[in-house]
């Protein structure tokens, strides 16, 4: 073995040791920081009652405490941060439930969510998908929790609890489907006309954002992937592979309304990938027809009874009204509860 190769091997091994050590240090520091902030929050919550008994308002107490801590210790103890520490203790009284994979900034963002089930879901997904703060904020703003609940039309309290307990559990093709898909990151006005090829190019240019919207396990294979049947060429708009489902995911973009012809085309693509592209240990391919609009009845008749897993979903260029989605979820749950009581 050449001397340069020996150096290359040992340098690589040492590099791995150092990187692992740094990661361990970061995890330890984050762990200590989180538990310190929780303890501070506990002290504030316990002492706040005493200050109230002495006629001091919560605001005055926090301002005075912030100034004293900043003078004695330094930065990091603003009134807003102290309030977050108190909320941190109130929301996570059991320190054992804290995740070392989430930073203080993650928890500050999570604590803006009042619904405990939704907060638990985003917390689990943060850990599972390794979301950055920006990605977490985007998923909260786009009401991912409510969109997942409403996607397959079978919303009930059990589904809410399952999402809150485990996050998005991906076991079958329908688990990766959203309706609608939110493409606000493209920066396109909702009514602006655009060609399918231009939409595809924009999605490829912002592929990291699109992968975030698609969800966990997606890897981008390519766009305009050629299929040749009897010397005639066809092209799938976008092809992905989902490593959790171990299946290719084919996406066909439609700027118009979903129609029956779209299904025949996608069915052909899926059959081709099943026969010619998928490996023996792959699961059957999944087709998603992503359209600007769809009629639920047309979709039901077009997709019903198919052997292949093909879905139709709408996309939108703007973040949906989160409050409206929340009300929609609550309304469906109330109907479900009333129905259960009647039975």
Protein backbone atom coordinates (compact mmCIF):
# COMPACT_ATOMS: atom_id res chain seq x y z
CA UNK A 1 0.00 0.00 0.00
CA UNK A 2 1.34 3.46 -0.93
CA UNK A 3 2.23 5.90 1.84
CA UNK A 4 -0.34 8.43 0.55
CA UNK A 5 -3.07 5.79 0.79
CA UNK A 6 -2.06 4.98 4.37
CA UNK A 7 -2.28 8.66 5.30
CA UNK A 8 -5.62 8.96 3.50
CA UNK A 9 -7.07 6.05 5.47
CA UNK A 10 -5.91 7.23 8.90
CA UNK A 11 -6.88 10.84 8.20
CA UNK A 12 -10.39 9.67 7.35
CA UNK A 13 -10.63 7.62 10.55
CA UNK A 14 -9.38 10.49 12.72
CA UNK A 15 -11.78 12.87 11.00
CA UNK A 16 -14.70 10.56 11.85
CA UNK A 17 -13.58 10.39 15.50
CA UNK A 18 -13.37 14.18 15.78
CA UNK A 19 -16.71 14.75 14.05
CA UNK A 20 -18.41 12.24 16.35
CA UNK A 21 -16.80 13.85 19.40
CA UNK A 22 -18.01 17.30 18.30
CA UNK A 23 -21.50 15.95 17.75
CA UNK A 24 -21.49 14.37 21.22
CA UNK A 25 -20.35 17.66 22.76
CA UNK A 26 -23.10 19.57 20.96
CA UNK A 27 -25.72 17.07 22.17
CA UNK A 28 -24.43 17.31 25.76
CA UNK A 29 -24.36 21.12 25.71
CA UNK A 30 -27.88 21.24 24.26
CA UNK A 31 -29.12 18.76 26.89
CA UNK A 32 -27.72 20.85 29.74
CA UNK A 33 -29.04 24.09 28.24
CA UNK A 34 -32.58 22.74 27.88
CA UNK A 35 -32.71 21.34 31.40
CA UNK A 36 -31.21 24.55 32.82
CA UNK A 37 -33.89 26.65 31.11
CA UNK A 38 -36.59 24.30 32.40
CA UNK A 39 -35.25 24.66 35.97
CA UNK A 40 -35.13 28.45 35.59
CA UNK A 41 -38.72 28.37 34.32
CA UNK A 42 -39.74 26.33 37.35
CA UNK A 43 -38.13 28.87 39.73
CA UNK A 44 -39.85 31.76 37.95
CA UNK A 45 -43.24 30.04 38.10
CA UNK A 46 -42.86 29.28 41.81
CA UNK A 47 -41.58 32.74 42.79
CA UNK A 48 -44.05 34.61 40.63
CA UNK A 49 -46.86 33.85 43.05
CA UNK A 50 -44.87 35.48 45.86
CA UNK A 51 -44.39 38.63 43.80
CA UNK A 52 -48.13 38.72 43.04
CA UNK A 53 -48.87 38.45 46.75
CA UNK A 54 -46.66 41.50 47.29
CA UNK A 55 -48.68 43.51 44.82
CA UNK A 56 -46.13 43.30 41.99
CA UNK A 57 -47.49 42.62 38.50
CA UNK A 58 -46.10 39.79 36.39
CA UNK A 59 -44.79 42.30 33.85
CA UNK A 60 -42.95 44.35 36.47
CA UNK A 61 -41.54 41.22 38.06
CA UNK A 62 -40.20 39.90 34.73
CA UNK A 63 -38.68 43.26 33.76
CA UNK A 64 -36.90 43.60 37.12
CA UNK A 65 -35.69 39.99 37.02
CA UNK A 66 -34.44 40.41 33.45
CA UNK A 67 -32.39 43.49 34.36
CA UNK A 68 -30.90 41.80 37.43
CA UNK A 69 -29.92 38.64 35.54
CA UNK A 70 -28.46 40.58 32.61
CA UNK A 71 -26.32 42.61 35.04
CA UNK A 72 -25.11 39.54 36.94
CA UNK A 73 -24.77 36.98 34.13
CA UNK A 74 -24.96 38.71 30.75
CA UNK A 75 -27.07 38.33 27.61
CA UNK A 76 -29.80 35.72 27.10
CA UNK A 77 -32.19 36.79 29.85
CA UNK A 78 -34.52 39.22 28.15
CA UNK A 79 -38.07 39.44 29.44
CA UNK A 80 -39.30 37.53 26.37
CA UNK A 81 -36.78 34.74 26.98
CA UNK A 82 -37.72 34.50 30.65
CA UNK A 83 -41.38 34.21 29.70
CA UNK A 84 -40.45 31.40 27.31
CA UNK A 85 -38.54 29.62 30.07
CA UNK A 86 -41.59 29.77 32.30
CA UNK A 87 -43.80 28.47 29.47
CA UNK A 88 -41.18 25.80 28.81
CA UNK A 89 -41.53 24.46 32.34
CA UNK A 90 -45.33 24.68 32.24
CA UNK A 91 -45.51 22.80 28.93
CA UNK A 92 -42.79 20.29 29.78
CA UNK A 93 -42.96 19.80 33.56
CA UNK A 94 -41.38 16.37 33.15
CA UNK A 95 -37.86 16.98 31.88
CA UNK A 96 -37.61 13.35 30.75
CA UNK A 97 -39.85 14.12 27.77
CA UNK A 98 -37.40 16.63 26.30
CA UNK A 99 -35.50 15.66 23.17
CA UNK A 100 -31.78 16.39 22.90
CA UNK A 101 -32.29 16.51 19.12
CA UNK A 102 -34.25 19.76 19.41
CA UNK A 103 -32.71 23.10 20.24
CA UNK A 104 -34.05 25.84 22.49
CA UNK A 105 -35.11 27.72 19.34
CA UNK A 106 -37.12 24.67 18.22
CA UNK A 107 -38.94 24.56 21.55
CA UNK A 108 -39.64 28.32 21.48
CA UNK A 109 -41.28 27.82 18.08
CA UNK A 110 -43.22 24.77 19.26
CA UNK A 111 -44.58 26.67 22.26
CA UNK A 112 -46.39 29.08 19.93
CA UNK A 113 -48.82 26.19 19.20
CA UNK A 114 -51.66 26.16 21.71
CA UNK A 115 -53.18 22.82 20.69
CA UNK A 116 -51.31 20.06 22.55
CA UNK A 117 -51.98 17.40 19.92
CA UNK A 118 -50.68 19.63 17.11
CA UNK A 119 -47.64 20.63 19.18
CA UNK A 120 -46.83 17.00 19.92
CA UNK A 121 -47.09 16.14 16.22
CA UNK A 122 -44.69 18.90 15.13
CA UNK A 123 -42.30 17.94 17.91
CA UNK A 124 -42.22 14.29 16.75
CA UNK A 125 -41.81 15.29 13.11
CA UNK A 126 -38.98 17.68 14.02
CA UNK A 127 -37.07 14.77 15.48
CA UNK A 128 -38.01 12.27 12.76
CA UNK A 129 -37.33 14.56 9.79
CA UNK A 130 -34.51 16.68 11.32
CA UNK A 131 -36.27 19.95 10.52
CA UNK A 132 -34.38 23.21 10.84
CA UNK A 133 -36.10 26.15 12.55
CA UNK A 134 -37.03 27.56 9.14
CA UNK A 135 -38.51 24.24 8.04
CA UNK A 136 -40.45 23.84 11.29
CA UNK A 137 -41.85 27.35 11.00
CA UNK A 138 -42.88 26.72 7.41
CA UNK A 139 -44.68 23.48 8.28
CA UNK A 140 -46.54 25.15 11.14
CA UNK A 141 -47.52 28.12 8.95
CA UNK A 142 -48.76 25.81 6.19
CA UNK A 143 -50.90 23.87 8.72
CA UNK A 144 -49.29 20.52 7.92
CA UNK A 145 -50.99 18.83 10.89
CA UNK A 146 -54.47 19.85 9.76
CA UNK A 147 -53.72 19.07 6.09
CA UNK A 148 -52.61 15.54 6.95
CA UNK A 149 -55.70 15.03 9.07
CA UNK A 150 -58.01 16.11 6.25
CA UNK A 151 -56.15 14.51 3.31
CA UNK A 152 -57.93 11.15 3.13
CA UNK A 153 -61.31 12.31 4.38
CA UNK A 154 -61.42 9.82 7.27
CA UNK A 155 -60.80 12.20 10.16
CA UNK A 156 -61.57 11.03 13.68
CA UNK A 157 -60.19 11.55 17.17
CA UNK A 158 -58.15 8.35 16.93
CA UNK A 159 -56.34 9.71 13.88
CA UNK A 160 -55.56 12.91 15.76
CA UNK A 161 -54.14 10.96 18.68
CA UNK A 162 -52.05 8.74 16.42
CA UNK A 163 -50.45 11.75 14.70
CA UNK A 164 -49.84 13.42 18.05
CA UNK A 165 -48.26 10.30 19.53
CA UNK A 166 -45.98 9.15 16.70
CA UNK A 167 -45.88 11.90 14.09
CA UNK A 168 -46.57 10.92 10.48
CA UNK A 169 -46.50 7.13 10.39
CA UNK A 170 -45.59 6.07 6.84
CA UNK A 171 -46.54 2.45 6.22
CA UNK A 172 -48.57 2.50 3.00
CA UNK A 173 -48.82 4.75 -0.09
CA UNK A 174 -51.81 6.75 1.14
CA UNK A 175 -49.74 7.87 4.15
CA UNK A 176 -47.55 10.11 1.97
CA UNK A 177 -50.43 11.86 0.23
CA UNK A 178 -51.43 15.44 1.04
CA UNK A 179 -54.39 17.36 -0.31
CA UNK A 180 -53.66 20.13 -1.01
CA UNK A 181 -49.94 20.42 -1.62
CA UNK A 182 -48.72 23.92 -0.80
CA UNK A 183 -46.20 25.43 -3.24
CA UNK A 184 -45.97 28.92 -1.77
CA UNK A 185 -42.16 28.77 -1.99
CA UNK A 186 -42.43 29.26 -5.77
CA UNK A 187 -43.61 32.83 -5.21
CA UNK A 188 -46.29 32.60 -7.91
CA UNK A 189 -49.57 34.55 -7.76
CA UNK A 190 -52.47 32.11 -7.41
CA UNK A 191 -54.21 33.12 -10.64
CA UNK A 192 -51.11 33.67 -12.78
CA UNK A 193 -51.17 31.42 -15.87
CA UNK A 194 -48.16 29.13 -16.19
CA UNK A 195 -47.31 26.20 -18.44
CA UNK A 196 -46.74 22.75 -17.01
CA UNK A 197 -43.11 22.67 -18.16
CA UNK A 198 -42.45 26.04 -16.50
CA UNK A 199 -44.05 24.83 -13.27
CA UNK A 200 -41.87 21.73 -13.36
CA UNK A 201 -38.69 23.80 -13.90
CA UNK A 202 -39.56 26.00 -10.94
CA UNK A 203 -40.10 22.95 -8.74
CA UNK A 204 -36.76 21.48 -9.81
CA UNK A 205 -35.04 24.80 -9.09
CA UNK A 206 -36.54 24.74 -5.57
CA UNK A 207 -36.24 20.99 -5.11
CA UNK A 208 -35.23 21.18 -1.44
CA UNK A 209 -38.41 23.12 -0.63
CA UNK A 210 -40.48 20.69 -2.69
CA UNK A 211 -38.92 17.71 -0.89
CA UNK A 212 -39.86 19.33 2.42
CA UNK A 213 -43.46 19.63 1.26
CA UNK A 214 -43.53 16.04 -0.06
CA UNK A 215 -42.45 14.75 3.34
CA UNK A 216 -40.10 12.22 4.88
CA UNK A 217 -38.19 9.64 2.88
CA UNK A 218 -38.31 11.31 -0.54
CA UNK A 219 -35.25 11.39 -2.81
CA UNK A 220 -35.30 13.20 -6.17
CA UNK A 221 -34.49 10.97 -9.14
CA UNK A 222 -35.04 13.44 -11.98
CA UNK A 223 -37.46 15.32 -14.20
CA UNK A 224 -38.72 14.45 -17.68
CA UNK A 225 -37.75 10.82 -17.17
CA UNK A 226 -38.10 9.07 -20.53
CA UNK A 227 -40.25 6.00 -21.07
CA UNK A 228 -40.03 4.18 -24.41
CA UNK A 229 -42.82 1.87 -25.53
CA UNK A 230 -42.79 0.47 -29.08
CA UNK A 231 -40.24 3.08 -30.15
CA UNK A 232 -42.46 5.91 -28.94
CA UNK A 233 -41.11 8.16 -26.19
CA UNK A 234 -43.08 9.46 -23.22
CA UNK A 235 -41.82 11.53 -20.28
CA UNK A 236 -42.77 11.48 -16.60
CA UNK A 237 -42.70 15.04 -15.25
CA UNK A 238 -40.96 14.23 -11.96
CA UNK A 239 -39.73 10.97 -10.44
CA UNK A 240 -38.83 10.40 -6.79
CA UNK A 241 -37.95 7.39 -4.67
CA UNK A 242 -39.34 7.02 -1.17
CA UNK A 243 -36.85 5.07 0.93
CA UNK A 244 -39.39 4.41 3.71
CA UNK A 245 -41.93 2.79 1.39
CA UNK A 246 -39.15 1.47 -0.88
CA UNK A 247 -41.04 2.58 -3.97
CA UNK A 248 -40.75 4.95 -6.91
CA UNK A 249 -43.14 7.88 -6.79
CA UNK A 250 -44.14 9.36 -10.15
CA UNK A 251 -45.63 12.86 -10.29
CA UNK A 252 -47.54 14.21 -13.28
CA UNK A 253 -48.18 17.97 -13.18
CA UNK A 254 -51.43 19.37 -14.57
CA UNK A 255 -52.17 23.09 -14.68
CA UNK A 256 -55.84 22.42 -15.34
CA UNK A 257 -58.59 20.39 -13.72
CA UNK A 258 -58.17 16.67 -13.11
CA UNK A 259 -59.86 14.52 -15.74
CA UNK A 260 -60.31 10.86 -16.68
CA UNK A 261 -57.57 10.92 -19.32
CA UNK A 262 -54.96 11.84 -16.69
CA UNK A 263 -55.47 8.48 -14.97
CA UNK A 264 -54.87 6.38 -18.08
CA UNK A 265 -51.60 8.17 -18.74
CA UNK A 266 -50.36 7.78 -15.17
CA UNK A 267 -51.48 4.15 -15.06
CA UNK A 268 -49.27 3.49 -18.08
CA UNK A 269 -46.29 5.17 -16.40
CA UNK A 270 -46.77 3.18 -13.20
CA UNK A 271 -47.07 -0.12 -15.10
CA UNK A 272 -43.87 0.64 -17.02
CA UNK A 273 -41.91 1.43 -13.86
CA UNK A 274 -43.30 -1.68 -12.18
CA UNK A 275 -42.10 -3.90 -15.05
CA UNK A 276 -38.99 -2.19 -16.37
CA UNK A 277 -37.48 -0.01 -13.62
CA UNK A 278 -38.30 -1.28 -10.12
CA UNK A 279 -35.91 -3.75 -8.52
CA UNK A 280 -37.20 -7.11 -7.20
CA UNK A 281 -37.13 -5.84 -3.58
CA UNK A 282 -38.93 -2.58 -4.44
CA UNK A 283 -42.60 -2.15 -3.69
CA UNK A 284 -44.98 -1.22 -6.53
CA UNK A 285 -44.61 2.36 -7.84
CA UNK A 286 -46.97 5.12 -6.71
CA UNK A 287 -48.51 7.70 -9.03
CA UNK A 288 -49.56 11.21 -7.98
CA UNK A 289 -51.48 13.43 -10.38
CA UNK A 290 -50.88 16.95 -9.10
CA UNK A 291 -53.47 19.30 -10.54
CA UNK A 292 -54.67 22.86 -10.09
CA UNK A 293 -58.18 21.65 -9.29
CA UNK A 294 -60.19 18.45 -9.09
CA UNK A 295 -63.77 17.33 -8.75
CA UNK A 296 -64.17 14.81 -5.95
CA UNK A 297 -66.81 12.77 -7.82
CA UNK A 298 -64.74 12.57 -11.01
CA UNK A 299 -61.70 11.53 -8.98
CA UNK A 300 -63.71 8.86 -7.17
CA UNK A 301 -64.89 7.23 -10.40
CA UNK A 302 -61.57 7.63 -12.19
CA UNK A 303 -59.40 6.16 -9.42
CA UNK A 304 -61.77 3.55 -8.02
CA UNK A 305 -60.94 -0.11 -8.63
CA UNK A 306 -57.44 0.45 -9.96
CA UNK A 307 -54.85 -2.22 -9.24
CA UNK A 308 -52.11 0.40 -9.10
CA UNK A 309 -51.74 2.99 -6.33
CA UNK A 310 -52.64 6.26 -8.08
CA UNK A 311 -53.79 9.42 -6.33
CA UNK A 312 -55.02 12.84 -7.39
CA UNK A 313 -54.27 15.92 -5.29
CA UNK A 314 -54.64 19.65 -5.73
CA UNK A 315 -51.83 22.15 -5.35
CA UNK A 316 -51.99 25.76 -4.31
CA UNK A 317 -49.51 28.63 -4.57
CA UNK A 318 -50.43 30.18 -1.25
CA UNK A 319 -50.39 29.02 2.35
CA UNK A 320 -53.97 28.08 3.28
CA UNK A 321 -55.85 29.92 6.00
CA UNK A 322 -54.64 28.03 9.06
CA UNK A 323 -57.53 29.15 11.26
CA UNK A 324 -60.02 27.97 8.64
CA UNK A 325 -58.34 24.55 8.47
CA UNK A 326 -58.37 24.30 12.26
CA UNK A 327 -62.09 25.09 12.31
CA UNK A 328 -62.65 22.51 9.57
CA UNK A 329 -60.86 19.84 11.63
CA UNK A 330 -62.84 20.77 14.75
CA UNK A 331 -66.10 20.67 12.80
CA UNK A 332 -65.41 17.17 11.43
CA UNK A 333 -64.37 15.93 14.87
CA UNK A 334 -67.54 17.36 16.39
CA UNK A 335 -69.63 15.57 13.75
CA UNK A 336 -67.73 12.35 14.49
CA UNK A 337 -68.34 12.76 18.24
CA UNK A 338 -72.06 13.47 17.75
CA UNK A 339 -72.40 10.44 15.48
CA UNK A 340 -70.65 8.19 18.04
CA UNK A 341 -72.94 9.43 20.84
CA UNK A 342 -76.02 8.78 18.72
CA UNK A 343 -74.94 5.20 18.09
